[in-house]
Amino acid sequence: WYRAADEGLSRDEVQGMLKEVSEWISMTEQNYPSHIALNKNKQKGFFS
C-alpha cells in the first residue's frame, strides 16, 4: 500500500500485482518437496 501511494499506482495496477503474488504463492505451495512436510497420516517427513 505504501508503494502504491508513493508511486501513484492505480487500483488496477495494485490488483494486478496482488494477482501475481497470489499466483506465485500458489505455484510455490503446489511445488514444495513433499518429502520434507508432514503428510496426511501425520508421519514425520524425511528431515524430521
Protein backbone atom coordinates (compact mmCIF):
# COMPACT_ATOMS: atom_id res chain seq x y z
CA TRP A 1 0.00 0.00 0.00
CA TYR A 2 2.89 2.33 0.73
CA ARG A 3 4.36 1.67 -2.69
CA ALA A 4 1.00 2.26 -4.35
CA ALA A 5 0.68 5.59 -2.56
CA ASP A 6 4.28 6.64 -3.20
CA GLU A 7 4.21 5.72 -6.88
CA GLY A 8 0.62 6.74 -7.55
CA LEU A 9 -0.36 3.27 -8.72
CA SER A 10 -3.92 2.77 -9.87
CA ARG A 11 -6.31 0.27 -8.33
CA ASP A 12 -5.93 -1.93 -11.41
CA GLU A 13 -2.12 -1.85 -11.16
CA VAL A 14 -2.24 -2.84 -7.49
CA GLN A 15 -4.78 -5.57 -8.24
CA GLY A 16 -2.51 -6.93 -10.99
CA MET A 17 0.46 -7.01 -8.63
CA LEU A 18 -1.57 -8.79 -5.94
CA LYS A 19 -2.70 -11.34 -8.54
CA GLU A 20 0.93 -12.01 -9.47
CA VAL A 21 1.84 -12.53 -5.82
CA SER A 22 -1.09 -14.89 -5.26
CA GLU A 23 -0.14 -16.93 -8.35
CA TRP A 24 3.46 -17.12 -7.11
CA ILE A 25 2.34 -18.31 -3.66
CA SER A 26 0.01 -20.89 -5.20
CA MET A 27 2.74 -22.20 -7.51
CA THR A 28 5.19 -22.39 -4.60
CA GLU A 29 2.72 -24.30 -2.42
CA GLN A 30 1.94 -26.74 -5.24
CA ASN A 31 5.62 -27.44 -5.94
CA TYR A 32 7.18 -27.80 -2.48
CA PRO A 33 9.11 -31.03 -1.91
CA SER A 34 6.55 -33.28 -0.25
CA HIS A 35 9.18 -35.43 1.45
CA ILE A 36 10.01 -32.59 3.88
CA ALA A 37 6.49 -31.95 5.13
CA LEU A 38 4.07 -33.92 7.24
CA ASN A 39 1.69 -35.99 5.19
CA LYS A 40 -1.99 -36.65 5.83
CA ASN A 41 -1.16 -39.62 8.08
CA LYS A 42 0.89 -37.27 10.29
CA GLN A 43 4.06 -39.28 9.77
CA LYS A 44 7.31 -37.41 10.05
CA GLY A 45 8.93 -36.14 6.89
CA PHE A 46 12.36 -37.12 5.61
CA PHE A 47 14.20 -34.49 7.68
CA SER A 48 12.02 -34.71 10.82
